[in-house]
């Protein structure tokens, strides 16, 4: 391993080290990694920092500890290039934007690994042609969108392949492997962020249809001794046009508000569009926060502050789970990974107006 490094120090440094070690694995294809002491000498850091860096690679199933030998490159990761994967997407009309982003990220990752990829759309009744049936049988791993398996017949079909099927970004207690991001926790993070900026008159748009998330919002407000006016809760579905209409309804109530927690990013962007048209300045007059961490949210006229999963972590966790052969089918047993949501602070939130 080259003892010289051009790695620039970043915070947290262990993440940058982890990325460089991963690049070294891809480039040199070693069976064993250097010792912790050798890494400490190379990067001039503590053992704790090196262990954190290696911990990220172990979580992604890239490396594994071998008793008496050291740290080995996982054989399972090496097999990805020889495997075939099936991606089952919802039909376009039901294709939620967050699923679009994660499937694009997953497909890009598998493509770069050299894996075989087939794609099906779960539209209408579950009727497969001979080629699609062959894809299911020969797939080493199946990734399905949550709304895809709700289409008629698909859940029952995939139960036959439960051991190699993973549901993306949804908690679905039907014995499939899953990767999920806790939306309730995300709502708490969003609410605390606005409270920390001094907002006390906070409206919700779209949370009414999700009683758990609304109760989390109310609980956080109460814990911070803020009386929430329920008149500022507007019911709507999580679409752009629904957020646009709901924002108009909110303004028509003629009740003072300084911030909005939206059901998701698409809804939040609809809210933003309507408020901008009505002459509000964002975030000077109103702060807006969404959920999902969509790729589109960064490129709007006012980049959207959001809460959601780190897509790289979702993909790494999904690959590790799909390669895990220890999953057994047992009633009431859930097997998966819950990704903690992160706050992505952009320009749509700011201090509450005085």
Foldseek 3Di string as FASTA:
>chain_A
DDLADPQDADVVRLCSVLVVVVVVCVVVVDFADDALVSVCNSVVDDSVSPVVSVVVCVLLVQWDADPPPGIGGHPLLLCLLVFEEEEEAEPPVPGDQLNVVLVVVLVVVSVVSNHHYDYHYLPAAPDDDPVVVVSVVRHLAYEYEPVSCVHHPNVVVCVVVQLRYEYEADFDQPQHAYEHADVLLFLLVVLVVQVVLVFQAEAEEACVVPVSNVVSNVVSSVVVVHDYDCVRYHHFHPALCRLLVSLVVNVVVVDAGQEYEYAALRSQVSNVVNCVVVPDDANQRYAYEGESPRPVQCVPPFRHWYKYFDSVSSSSQVSVSSSDSPRDDDPSDHHYHYGYIDTDDGRRDHHGHD
